Amino acid sequence: MPTARFLFDVGSPTAYLAWNRLPGMAARTGAVIDPVPILLGAIFKATGNAPPGTVAAKGRWMADDMTLWARRDGTPFAMNPRFPINTTRMMRGCVAAGHRGEFQAYTDAVFAGMWRDARDMGDLAVLAAVLSEAGLDAAAYAAAIDSQPVKDELRQNTESAVAAGVFGAPSFLVDDRLFFGQDRTEFVELALKGAL
């Protein structure tokens, strides 16, 4: 069965747009989509890359571009005024959610808090409220995200992504072929169908 690894950080608004396309992609291709939490800040540091918003004109263009993509897909989207937000604890939570069998519910909730509802997800009380509203045990996540195995797994995911050539998020890996950006999902689908 074909597989695409989806490497993401919830701090990326374009990763949010791609995340919402994954179920359709899986249905159309019959592929397994394997989401892999990474730390985008660490990726930038390791590769010498920088967020697109560091170039003012590019940041303005990208905000408009994301709005157009969201409208095209029917995805509720609001640029978070607190962006960029440190996502380390949220991404550790993604790792913990995988161990708890709650990956989809956790990631849906955190992405929605960031990019649908534009909440201050860097505030731990806000994060806890978002998780509780989604029916998740916020106290269990608060404990898990400080555990060394969770920290180590997120670090290993990030280091493996850099070794695979990843320089930003979202990124997809189909076999060893890298596709970067939410606007490359059509190419990912073609690769999964063996049509590239």
N, C-alpha and C. Protein backbone atom coordinates (compact mmCIF):
# COMPACT_ATOMS: atom_id res chain seq x y z
N MET A 1 0.84 -1.19 0.00
CA MET A 1 0.00 0.00 0.00
C MET A 1 0.89 1.25 0.00
N PRO A 2 0.63 2.20 -0.90
CA PRO A 2 1.46 3.41 -0.92
C PRO A 2 1.31 4.22 0.37
N THR A 3 2.39 4.89 0.74
CA THR A 3 2.41 5.66 1.99
C THR A 3 3.06 7.01 1.75
N ALA A 4 2.48 8.04 2.34
CA ALA A 4 3.10 9.37 2.37
C ALA A 4 3.30 9.76 3.82
N ARG A 5 4.50 10.19 4.14
CA ARG A 5 4.74 10.76 5.47
C ARG A 5 4.45 12.25 5.38
N PHE A 6 3.64 12.74 6.32
CA PHE A 6 3.26 14.16 6.39
C PHE A 6 3.97 14.76 7.58
N LEU A 7 5.00 15.56 7.31
CA LEU A 7 5.81 16.16 8.38
C LEU A 7 5.28 17.56 8.64
N PHE A 8 4.94 17.83 9.89
CA PHE A 8 4.20 19.07 10.17
C PHE A 8 4.51 19.63 11.55
N ASP A 9 4.20 20.90 11.69
CA ASP A 9 4.22 21.62 12.97
C ASP A 9 2.93 22.43 12.99
N VAL A 10 2.20 22.39 14.10
CA VAL A 10 0.92 23.11 14.16
C VAL A 10 1.10 24.62 14.11
N GLY A 11 2.32 25.09 14.24
CA GLY A 11 2.58 26.53 14.12
C GLY A 11 2.57 27.02 12.69
N SER A 12 2.48 26.11 11.74
CA SER A 12 2.47 26.49 10.32
C SER A 12 1.03 26.56 9.81
N PRO A 13 0.59 27.74 9.37
CA PRO A 13 -0.77 27.83 8.84
C PRO A 13 -0.95 27.02 7.56
N THR A 14 0.12 26.88 6.78
CA THR A 14 -0.01 26.08 5.57
C THR A 14 -0.09 24.58 5.90
N ALA A 15 0.51 24.17 7.02
CA ALA A 15 0.35 22.78 7.46
C ALA A 15 -1.11 22.53 7.85
N TYR A 16 -1.74 23.52 8.45
CA TYR A 16 -3.18 23.40 8.78
C TYR A 16 -4.01 23.20 7.52
N LEU A 17 -3.72 23.97 6.47
CA LEU A 17 -4.48 23.82 5.23
C LEU A 17 -4.26 22.42 4.66
N ALA A 18 -3.02 21.94 4.68
CA ALA A 18 -2.73 20.60 4.16
C ALA A 18 -3.38 19.52 5.02
N TRP A 19 -3.33 19.69 6.33
CA TRP A 19 -3.91 18.71 7.26
C TRP A 19 -5.37 18.43 6.90
N ASN A 20 -6.09 19.46 6.56
CA ASN A 20 -7.51 19.30 6.26
C ASN A 20 -7.76 18.63 4.91
N ARG A 21 -6.72 18.50 4.09
CA ARG A 21 -6.85 17.79 2.82
C ARG A 21 -6.50 16.31 2.92
N LEU A 22 -5.88 15.91 4.02
CA LEU A 22 -5.37 14.55 4.12
C LEU A 22 -6.45 13.47 3.99
N PRO A 23 -7.62 13.61 4.62
CA PRO A 23 -8.62 12.55 4.46
C PRO A 23 -9.03 12.34 3.01
N GLY A 24 -9.22 13.43 2.27
CA GLY A 24 -9.57 13.31 0.86
C GLY A 24 -8.46 12.65 0.06
N MET A 25 -7.23 13.02 0.38
CA MET A 25 -6.08 12.43 -0.32
C MET A 25 -6.04 10.92 -0.08
N ALA A 26 -6.23 10.51 1.16
CA ALA A 26 -6.21 9.08 1.48
C ALA A 26 -7.33 8.35 0.75
N ALA A 27 -8.52 8.96 0.71
CA ALA A 27 -9.67 8.32 0.05
C ALA A 27 -9.45 8.18 -1.45
N ARG A 28 -8.89 9.22 -2.06
CA ARG A 28 -8.71 9.19 -3.52
C ARG A 28 -7.59 8.25 -3.97
N THR A 29 -6.59 8.06 -3.12
CA THR A 29 -5.42 7.27 -3.53
C THR A 29 -5.38 5.88 -2.92
N GLY A 30 -6.17 5.66 -1.85
CA GLY A 30 -6.06 4.40 -1.13
C GLY A 30 -4.77 4.28 -0.34
N ALA A 31 -4.10 5.40 -0.16
CA ALA A 31 -2.79 5.41 0.50
C ALA A 31 -2.93 5.58 2.01
N VAL A 32 -1.88 5.22 2.69
CA VAL A 32 -1.75 5.52 4.11
C VAL A 32 -1.04 6.86 4.23
N ILE A 33 -1.61 7.78 4.99
CA ILE A 33 -0.95 9.05 5.28
C ILE A 33 -0.45 8.96 6.72
N ASP A 34 0.85 9.04 6.88
CA ASP A 34 1.49 8.88 8.18
C ASP A 34 1.95 10.25 8.69
N PRO A 35 1.18 10.87 9.60
CA PRO A 35 1.59 12.19 10.09
C PRO A 35 2.73 12.09 11.09
N VAL A 36 3.72 12.96 10.92
CA VAL A 36 4.93 12.92 11.75
C VAL A 36 5.14 14.31 12.36
N PRO A 37 4.98 14.45 13.68
CA PRO A 37 5.23 15.74 14.33
C PRO A 37 6.72 16.09 14.30
N ILE A 38 7.01 17.33 13.94
CA ILE A 38 8.39 17.84 13.94
C ILE A 38 8.37 19.23 14.57
N LEU A 39 9.54 19.75 14.86
CA LEU A 39 9.66 21.13 15.37
C LEU A 39 10.20 22.02 14.25
N LEU A 40 9.35 22.88 13.74
CA LEU A 40 9.73 23.71 12.60
C LEU A 40 10.86 24.67 12.94
N GLY A 41 10.86 25.23 14.14
CA GLY A 41 11.94 26.13 14.53
C GLY A 41 13.29 25.44 14.48
N ALA A 42 13.33 24.19 14.93
CA ALA A 42 14.58 23.43 14.90
C ALA A 42 14.98 23.09 13.47
N ILE A 43 13.99 22.84 12.62
CA ILE A 43 14.27 22.60 11.20
C ILE A 43 14.92 23.84 10.58
N PHE A 44 14.31 25.01 10.85
CA PHE A 44 14.87 26.26 10.33
C PHE A 44 16.31 26.45 10.79
N LYS A 45 16.55 26.21 12.07
CA LYS A 45 17.89 26.40 12.63
C LYS A 45 18.89 25.45 11.98
N ALA A 46 18.48 24.19 11.81
CA ALA A 46 19.40 23.18 11.28
C ALA A 46 19.71 23.40 9.80
N THR A 47 18.76 23.99 9.07
CA THR A 47 18.92 24.12 7.61
C THR A 47 19.27 25.53 7.15
N GLY A 48 19.25 26.50 8.08
CA GLY A 48 19.53 27.89 7.70
C GLY A 48 18.35 28.56 7.02
N ASN A 49 17.18 27.94 7.11
CA ASN A 49 15.97 28.50 6.53
C ASN A 49 15.37 29.52 7.50
N ALA A 50 14.38 30.28 7.04
CA ALA A 50 13.72 31.28 7.87
C ALA A 50 12.25 31.33 7.52
N PRO A 51 11.39 31.73 8.47
CA PRO A 51 9.96 31.84 8.17
C PRO A 51 9.73 32.85 7.05
N PRO A 52 8.73 32.58 6.18
CA PRO A 52 8.48 33.50 5.06
C PRO A 52 8.10 34.90 5.51
N GLY A 53 7.52 35.02 6.71
CA GLY A 53 7.12 36.33 7.20
C GLY A 53 8.28 37.24 7.53
N THR A 54 9.51 36.71 7.54
CA THR A 54 10.66 37.57 7.81
C THR A 54 10.94 38.51 6.65
N VAL A 55 10.36 38.23 5.49
CA VAL A 55 10.40 39.15 4.35
C VAL A 55 9.00 39.76 4.26
N ALA A 56 8.88 41.04 4.56
CA ALA A 56 7.57 41.68 4.72
C ALA A 56 6.67 41.48 3.50
N ALA A 57 7.20 41.71 2.32
CA ALA A 57 6.37 41.58 1.11
C ALA A 57 5.90 40.14 0.93
N LYS A 58 6.78 39.19 1.22
CA LYS A 58 6.42 37.78 1.08
C LYS A 58 5.36 37.41 2.12
N GLY A 59 5.49 37.93 3.32
CA GLY A 59 4.51 37.67 4.36
C GLY A 59 3.13 38.17 3.98
N ARG A 60 3.07 39.38 3.41
CA ARG A 60 1.76 39.93 2.98
C ARG A 60 1.17 39.08 1.86
N TRP A 61 2.01 38.71 0.90
CA TRP A 61 1.53 37.88 -0.21
C TRP A 61 1.04 36.53 0.31
N MET A 62 1.79 35.94 1.24
CA MET A 62 1.44 34.61 1.73
C MET A 62 0.12 34.63 2.49
N ALA A 63 -0.13 35.69 3.26
CA ALA A 63 -1.39 35.79 4.00
C ALA A 63 -2.57 35.79 3.03
N ASP A 64 -2.45 36.52 1.95
CA ASP A 64 -3.51 36.55 0.94
C ASP A 64 -3.63 35.19 0.25
N ASP A 65 -2.49 34.57 -0.06
CA ASP A 65 -2.49 33.28 -0.74
C ASP A 65 -3.17 32.22 0.12
N MET A 66 -2.88 32.19 1.41
CA MET A 66 -3.50 31.21 2.29
C MET A 66 -5.01 31.41 2.37
N THR A 67 -5.43 32.66 2.39
CA THR A 67 -6.87 32.95 2.41
C THR A 67 -7.54 32.41 1.16
N LEU A 68 -6.89 32.56 0.02
CA LEU A 68 -7.45 32.05 -1.24
C LEU A 68 -7.54 30.52 -1.21
N TRP A 69 -6.49 29.85 -0.74
CA TRP A 69 -6.52 28.39 -0.66
C TRP A 69 -7.61 27.93 0.30
N ALA A 70 -7.72 28.58 1.45
CA ALA A 70 -8.73 28.20 2.44
C ALA A 70 -10.13 28.36 1.85
N ARG A 71 -10.36 29.45 1.14
CA ARG A 71 -11.66 29.68 0.51
C ARG A 71 -11.94 28.62 -0.54
N ARG A 72 -10.93 28.28 -1.32
CA ARG A 72 -11.09 27.25 -2.36
C ARG A 72 -11.51 25.92 -1.75
N ASP A 73 -10.88 25.57 -0.62
CA ASP A 73 -11.13 24.28 0.01
C ASP A 73 -12.33 24.29 0.96
N GLY A 74 -12.87 25.47 1.25
CA GLY A 74 -13.94 25.55 2.24
C GLY A 74 -13.45 25.30 3.65
N THR A 75 -12.20 25.65 3.92
CA THR A 75 -11.58 25.45 5.23
C THR A 75 -11.67 26.74 6.04
N PRO A 76 -12.31 26.72 7.19
CA PRO A 76 -12.34 27.93 8.04
C PRO A 76 -10.91 28.31 8.42
N PHE A 77 -10.57 29.58 8.23
CA PHE A 77 -9.19 30.01 8.46
C PHE A 77 -9.17 31.43 8.99
N ALA A 78 -8.38 31.64 10.03
CA ALA A 78 -8.15 32.98 10.57
C ALA A 78 -6.68 33.09 10.93
N MET A 79 -6.01 34.09 10.38
CA MET A 79 -4.59 34.29 10.72
C MET A 79 -4.48 34.62 12.20
N ASN A 80 -3.65 33.88 12.90
CA ASN A 80 -3.51 34.08 14.34
C ASN A 80 -2.68 35.33 14.61
N PRO A 81 -3.24 36.32 15.30
CA PRO A 81 -2.50 37.57 15.52
C PRO A 81 -1.29 37.41 16.43
N ARG A 82 -1.18 36.27 17.11
CA ARG A 82 -0.03 36.03 18.00
C ARG A 82 1.10 35.30 17.28
N PHE A 83 0.90 34.98 16.02
CA PHE A 83 1.89 34.27 15.21
C PHE A 83 3.18 35.09 15.11
N PRO A 84 4.36 34.48 15.25
CA PRO A 84 4.60 33.07 15.52
C PRO A 84 4.49 32.74 17.01
N ILE A 85 4.03 31.53 17.28
CA ILE A 85 3.86 31.02 18.64
C ILE A 85 4.82 29.86 18.82
N ASN A 86 5.47 29.79 19.98
CA ASN A 86 6.34 28.65 20.28
C ASN A 86 5.46 27.40 20.40
N THR A 87 5.74 26.42 19.58
CA THR A 87 4.89 25.23 19.51
C THR A 87 5.49 23.99 20.17
N THR A 88 6.59 24.15 20.87
CA THR A 88 7.29 22.98 21.41
C THR A 88 6.36 22.11 22.24
N ARG A 89 5.63 22.70 23.16
CA ARG A 89 4.77 21.90 24.03
C ARG A 89 3.60 21.29 23.25
N MET A 90 3.05 22.04 22.30
CA MET A 90 1.97 21.48 21.49
C MET A 90 2.45 20.30 20.66
N MET A 91 3.65 20.40 20.11
CA MET A 91 4.16 19.32 19.28
C MET A 91 4.55 18.10 20.13
N ARG A 92 5.04 18.33 21.33
CA ARG A 92 5.23 17.20 22.24
C ARG A 92 3.89 16.53 22.52
N GLY A 93 2.85 17.37 22.62
CA GLY A 93 1.51 16.83 22.83
C GLY A 93 1.07 15.94 21.68
N CYS A 94 1.46 16.29 20.45
CA CYS A 94 1.14 15.43 19.30
C CYS A 94 1.78 14.06 19.46
N VAL A 95 3.03 14.05 19.91
CA VAL A 95 3.72 12.77 20.14
C VAL A 95 2.98 11.98 21.23
N ALA A 96 2.66 12.65 22.32
CA ALA A 96 1.94 11.98 23.41
C ALA A 96 0.58 11.47 22.93
N ALA A 97 -0.08 12.24 22.10
CA ALA A 97 -1.40 11.83 21.59
C ALA A 97 -1.31 10.55 20.78
N GLY A 98 -0.22 10.40 20.04
CA GLY A 98 -0.02 9.15 19.30
C GLY A 98 0.06 7.96 20.23
N HIS A 99 0.72 8.12 21.36
CA HIS A 99 0.83 7.03 22.34
C HIS A 99 -0.50 6.75 23.03
N ARG A 100 -1.33 7.79 23.13
CA ARG A 100 -2.61 7.64 23.82
C ARG A 100 -3.75 7.22 22.88
N GLY A 101 -3.45 7.06 21.58
CA GLY A 101 -4.49 6.69 20.63
C GLY A 101 -5.45 7.84 20.33
N GLU A 102 -4.96 9.07 20.51
CA GLU A 102 -5.82 10.25 20.34
C GLU A 102 -5.22 11.25 19.36
N PHE A 103 -4.39 10.75 18.45
CA PHE A 103 -3.64 11.65 17.58
C PHE A 103 -4.55 12.56 16.77
N GLN A 104 -5.55 11.99 16.11
CA GLN A 104 -6.44 12.78 15.26
C GLN A 104 -7.19 13.83 16.08
N ALA A 105 -7.77 13.40 17.20
CA ALA A 105 -8.56 14.33 18.02
C ALA A 105 -7.69 15.46 18.57
N TYR A 106 -6.50 15.11 19.05
CA TYR A 106 -5.60 16.13 19.60
C TYR A 106 -5.17 17.11 18.51
N THR A 107 -4.72 16.59 17.40
CA THR A 107 -4.18 17.45 16.35
C THR A 107 -5.28 18.30 15.73
N ASP A 108 -6.45 17.74 15.53
CA ASP A 108 -7.59 18.53 15.05
C ASP A 108 -7.87 19.71 15.99
N ALA A 109 -7.89 19.43 17.30
CA ALA A 109 -8.20 20.46 18.29
C ALA A 109 -7.17 21.57 18.30
N VAL A 110 -5.89 21.19 18.27
CA VAL A 110 -4.83 22.20 18.36
C VAL A 110 -4.75 23.02 17.07
N PHE A 111 -4.85 22.37 15.91
CA PHE A 111 -4.87 23.11 14.65
C PHE A 111 -6.05 24.09 14.63
N ALA A 112 -7.23 23.64 15.07
CA ALA A 112 -8.40 24.52 15.07
C ALA A 112 -8.20 25.70 16.02
N GLY A 113 -7.62 25.43 17.17
CA GLY A 113 -7.35 26.52 18.10
C GLY A 113 -6.42 27.56 17.52
N MET A 114 -5.42 27.07 16.79
CA MET A 114 -4.43 27.98 16.18
C MET A 114 -5.00 28.75 14.99
N TRP A 115 -5.61 28.04 14.03
CA TRP A 115 -5.86 28.62 12.71
C TRP A 115 -7.32 28.74 12.31
N ARG A 116 -8.22 28.23 13.13
CA ARG A 116 -9.65 28.48 12.90
C ARG A 116 -10.15 29.54 13.87
N ASP A 117 -9.74 29.34 15.16
CA ASP A 117 -10.26 30.21 16.21
C ASP A 117 -9.26 31.28 16.65
N ALA A 118 -8.02 31.21 16.16
CA ALA A 118 -6.97 32.20 16.45
C ALA A 118 -6.80 32.44 17.95
N ARG A 119 -6.75 31.36 18.71
CA ARG A 119 -6.58 31.47 20.16
C ARG A 119 -5.08 31.54 20.51
N ASP A 120 -4.81 31.99 21.72
CA ASP A 120 -3.43 32.14 22.19
C ASP A 120 -2.92 30.79 22.67
N MET A 121 -2.56 29.94 21.71
CA MET A 121 -2.21 28.56 22.04
C MET A 121 -0.86 28.43 22.73
N GLY A 122 -0.09 29.50 22.78
CA GLY A 122 1.15 29.48 23.54
C GLY A 122 0.91 29.58 25.04
N ASP A 123 -0.29 29.97 25.43
CA ASP A 123 -0.69 30.07 26.84
C ASP A 123 -1.14 28.68 27.27
N LEU A 124 -0.48 28.11 28.27
CA LEU A 124 -0.80 26.74 28.67
C LEU A 124 -2.23 26.58 29.18
N ALA A 125 -2.78 27.64 29.77
CA ALA A 125 -4.18 27.57 30.23
C ALA A 125 -5.13 27.50 29.04
N VAL A 126 -4.80 28.23 27.97
CA VAL A 126 -5.62 28.19 26.76
C VAL A 126 -5.51 26.82 26.11
N LEU A 127 -4.29 26.29 26.02
CA LEU A 127 -4.10 24.96 25.46
C LEU A 127 -4.91 23.93 26.25
N ALA A 128 -4.85 24.00 27.57
CA ALA A 128 -5.61 23.07 28.41
C ALA A 128 -7.10 23.19 28.15
N ALA A 129 -7.59 24.43 28.00
CA ALA A 129 -9.02 24.62 27.72
C ALA A 129 -9.41 24.03 26.38
N VAL A 130 -8.57 24.22 25.37
CA VAL A 130 -8.85 23.67 24.04
C VAL A 130 -8.93 22.15 24.10
N LEU A 131 -8.00 21.54 24.83
CA LEU A 131 -8.00 20.08 24.93
C LEU A 131 -9.23 19.59 25.69
N SER A 132 -9.57 20.27 26.78
CA SER A 132 -10.75 19.88 27.56
C SER A 132 -12.02 20.01 26.73
N GLU A 133 -12.11 21.09 25.95
CA GLU A 133 -13.29 21.29 25.10
C GLU A 133 -13.42 20.17 24.06
N ALA A 134 -12.28 19.58 23.68
CA ALA A 134 -12.29 18.48 22.71
C ALA A 134 -12.50 17.12 23.38
N GLY A 135 -12.71 17.13 24.70
CA GLY A 135 -12.94 15.89 25.43
C GLY A 135 -11.67 15.14 25.77
N LEU A 136 -10.53 15.83 25.75
CA LEU A 136 -9.24 15.21 26.05
C LEU A 136 -8.81 15.57 27.48
N ASP A 137 -7.99 14.74 28.08
CA ASP A 137 -7.54 14.92 29.46
C ASP A 137 -6.35 15.87 29.48
N ALA A 138 -6.63 17.14 29.71
CA ALA A 138 -5.58 18.16 29.66
C ALA A 138 -4.49 17.90 30.69
N ALA A 139 -4.85 17.42 31.87
CA ALA A 139 -3.85 17.16 32.91
C ALA A 139 -2.90 16.04 32.48
N ALA A 140 -3.44 15.02 31.83
CA ALA A 140 -2.59 13.91 31.37
C ALA A 140 -1.61 14.42 30.31
N TYR A 141 -2.05 15.32 29.44
CA TYR A 141 -1.15 15.87 28.43
C TYR A 141 -0.10 16.77 29.07
N ALA A 142 -0.49 17.55 30.08
CA ALA A 142 0.48 18.42 30.75
C ALA A 142 1.61 17.61 31.34
N ALA A 143 1.29 16.42 31.86
CA ALA A 143 2.33 15.56 32.42
C ALA A 143 3.15 14.91 31.31
N ALA A 144 2.48 14.45 30.27
CA ALA A 144 3.16 13.71 29.21
C ALA A 144 4.16 14.56 28.45
N ILE A 145 3.83 15.84 28.24
CA ILE A 145 4.71 16.66 27.40
C ILE A 145 6.02 17.01 28.09
N ASP A 146 6.10 16.75 29.37
CA ASP A 146 7.35 16.98 30.08
C ASP A 146 8.15 15.69 30.26
N SER A 147 7.64 14.58 29.73
CA SER A 147 8.35 13.31 29.91
C SER A 147 9.50 13.21 28.91
N GLN A 148 10.60 12.62 29.35
CA GLN A 148 11.79 12.53 28.51
C GLN A 148 11.56 11.70 27.25
N PRO A 149 10.84 10.57 27.31
CA PRO A 149 10.62 9.81 26.08
C PRO A 149 9.87 10.61 25.01
N VAL A 150 8.91 11.43 25.41
CA VAL A 150 8.18 12.27 24.45
C VAL A 150 9.11 13.32 23.86
N LYS A 151 9.88 13.97 24.70
CA LYS A 151 10.84 14.96 24.21
C LYS A 151 11.82 14.32 23.23
N ASP A 152 12.32 13.14 23.58
CA ASP A 152 13.30 12.46 22.74
C ASP A 152 12.70 12.07 21.39
N GLU A 153 11.45 11.60 21.39
CA GLU A 153 10.83 11.18 20.13
C GLU A 153 10.64 12.37 19.19
N LEU A 154 10.21 13.50 19.74
CA LEU A 154 10.04 14.69 18.90
C LEU A 154 11.39 15.14 18.33
N ARG A 155 12.42 15.11 19.15
CA ARG A 155 13.76 15.48 18.68
C ARG A 155 14.22 14.53 17.57
N GLN A 156 14.00 13.24 17.77
CA GLN A 156 14.40 12.25 16.76
C GLN A 156 13.63 12.44 15.45
N ASN A 157 12.31 12.71 15.56
CA ASN A 157 11.52 12.99 14.35
C ASN A 157 12.12 14.15 13.57
N THR A 158 12.49 15.20 14.30
CA THR A 158 13.00 16.41 13.67
C THR A 158 14.36 16.15 13.03
N GLU A 159 15.23 15.45 13.74
CA GLU A 159 16.55 15.14 13.19
C GLU A 159 16.43 14.24 11.95
N SER A 160 15.52 13.29 11.99
CA SER A 160 15.30 12.41 10.83
C SER A 160 14.77 13.19 9.64
N ALA A 161 13.91 14.18 9.91
CA ALA A 161 13.37 15.01 8.84
C ALA A 161 14.50 15.80 8.16
N VAL A 162 15.38 16.39 8.95
CA VAL A 162 16.51 17.14 8.39
C VAL A 162 17.38 16.20 7.56
N ALA A 163 17.63 15.01 8.07
CA ALA A 163 18.45 14.04 7.35
C ALA A 163 17.82 13.65 6.02
N ALA A 164 16.48 13.70 5.95
CA ALA A 164 15.76 13.35 4.72
C ALA A 164 15.66 14.53 3.75
N GLY A 165 16.19 15.69 4.15
CA GLY A 165 16.18 16.85 3.26
C GLY A 165 15.08 17.84 3.53
N VAL A 166 14.31 17.65 4.59
CA VAL A 166 13.21 18.57 4.91
C VAL A 166 13.77 19.90 5.39
N PHE A 167 13.20 21.00 4.90
CA PHE A 167 13.65 22.33 5.27
C PHE A 167 12.51 23.23 5.73
N GLY A 168 11.29 22.72 5.70
CA GLY A 168 10.14 23.50 6.12
C GLY A 168 8.93 22.61 6.28
N ALA A 169 7.81 23.22 6.65
CA ALA A 169 6.58 22.45 6.86
C ALA A 169 5.40 23.22 6.27
N PRO A 170 4.46 22.46 5.71
CA PRO A 170 4.40 21.01 5.68
C PRO A 170 5.29 20.44 4.59
N SER A 171 5.76 19.23 4.85
CA SER A 171 6.51 18.47 3.85
C SER A 171 5.91 17.07 3.78
N PHE A 172 6.02 16.49 2.60
CA PHE A 172 5.58 15.11 2.39
C PHE A 172 6.77 14.32 1.86
N LEU A 173 6.87 13.09 2.30
CA LEU A 173 7.85 12.15 1.75
C LEU A 173 7.09 10.95 1.20
N VAL A 174 7.24 10.72 -0.09
CA VAL A 174 6.70 9.52 -0.73
C VAL A 174 7.91 8.74 -1.19
N ASP A 175 8.13 7.58 -0.58
CA ASP A 175 9.41 6.87 -0.71
C ASP A 175 10.49 7.87 -0.26
N ASP A 176 11.42 8.20 -1.11
CA ASP A 176 12.45 9.16 -0.71
C ASP A 176 12.25 10.53 -1.37
N ARG A 177 11.12 10.70 -2.05
CA ARG A 177 10.90 11.95 -2.77
C ARG A 177 10.20 12.97 -1.88
N LEU A 178 10.79 14.16 -1.80
CA LEU A 178 10.28 15.22 -0.95
C LEU A 178 9.38 16.16 -1.74
N PHE A 179 8.23 16.49 -1.14
CA PHE A 179 7.33 17.51 -1.67
C PHE A 179 7.12 18.53 -0.55
N PHE A 180 7.40 19.78 -0.84
CA PHE A 180 7.28 20.83 0.18
C PHE A 180 6.11 21.74 -0.13
N GLY A 181 5.29 22.00 0.90
CA GLY A 181 4.25 23.01 0.80
C GLY A 181 2.85 22.44 0.62
N GLN A 182 1.89 23.16 1.14
CA GLN A 182 0.50 22.73 1.04
C GLN A 182 0.00 22.77 -0.39
N ASP A 183 0.67 23.52 -1.24
CA ASP A 183 0.26 23.64 -2.63
C ASP A 183 0.86 22.54 -3.50
N ARG A 184 1.48 21.54 -2.89
CA ARG A 184 2.05 20.41 -3.65
C ARG A 184 1.26 19.13 -3.43
N THR A 185 0.10 19.23 -2.79
CA THR A 185 -0.64 18.00 -2.48
C THR A 185 -1.08 17.26 -3.74
N GLU A 186 -1.32 17.97 -4.84
CA GLU A 186 -1.71 17.27 -6.07
C GLU A 186 -0.55 16.42 -6.59
N PHE A 187 0.67 16.92 -6.47
CA PHE A 187 1.83 16.13 -6.87
C PHE A 187 2.01 14.92 -5.94
N VAL A 188 1.73 15.11 -4.64
CA VAL A 188 1.81 13.99 -3.71
C VAL A 188 0.84 12.90 -4.13
N GLU A 189 -0.38 13.30 -4.49
CA GLU A 189 -1.37 12.31 -4.93
C GLU A 189 -0.91 11.56 -6.18
N LEU A 190 -0.33 12.29 -7.13
CA LEU A 190 0.17 11.63 -8.32
C LEU A 190 1.28 10.64 -7.98
N ALA A 191 2.15 11.04 -7.08
CA ALA A 191 3.23 10.13 -6.66
C ALA A 191 2.67 8.88 -6.00
N LEU A 192 1.63 9.06 -5.17
CA LEU A 192 1.03 7.91 -4.50
C LEU A 192 0.35 6.97 -5.50
N LYS A 193 -0.11 7.52 -6.60
CA LYS A 193 -0.74 6.70 -7.63
C LYS A 193 0.28 6.14 -8.62
N GLY A 194 1.56 6.48 -8.43
CA GLY A 194 2.59 6.03 -9.35
C GLY A 194 2.53 6.71 -10.68
N ALA A 195 2.00 7.95 -10.70
CA ALA A 195 1.76 8.65 -11.97
C ALA A 195 2.74 9.78 -12.22
N LEU A 196 3.80 9.89 -11.45
CA LEU A 196 4.79 10.93 -11.71
C LEU A 196 5.96 10.34 -12.50
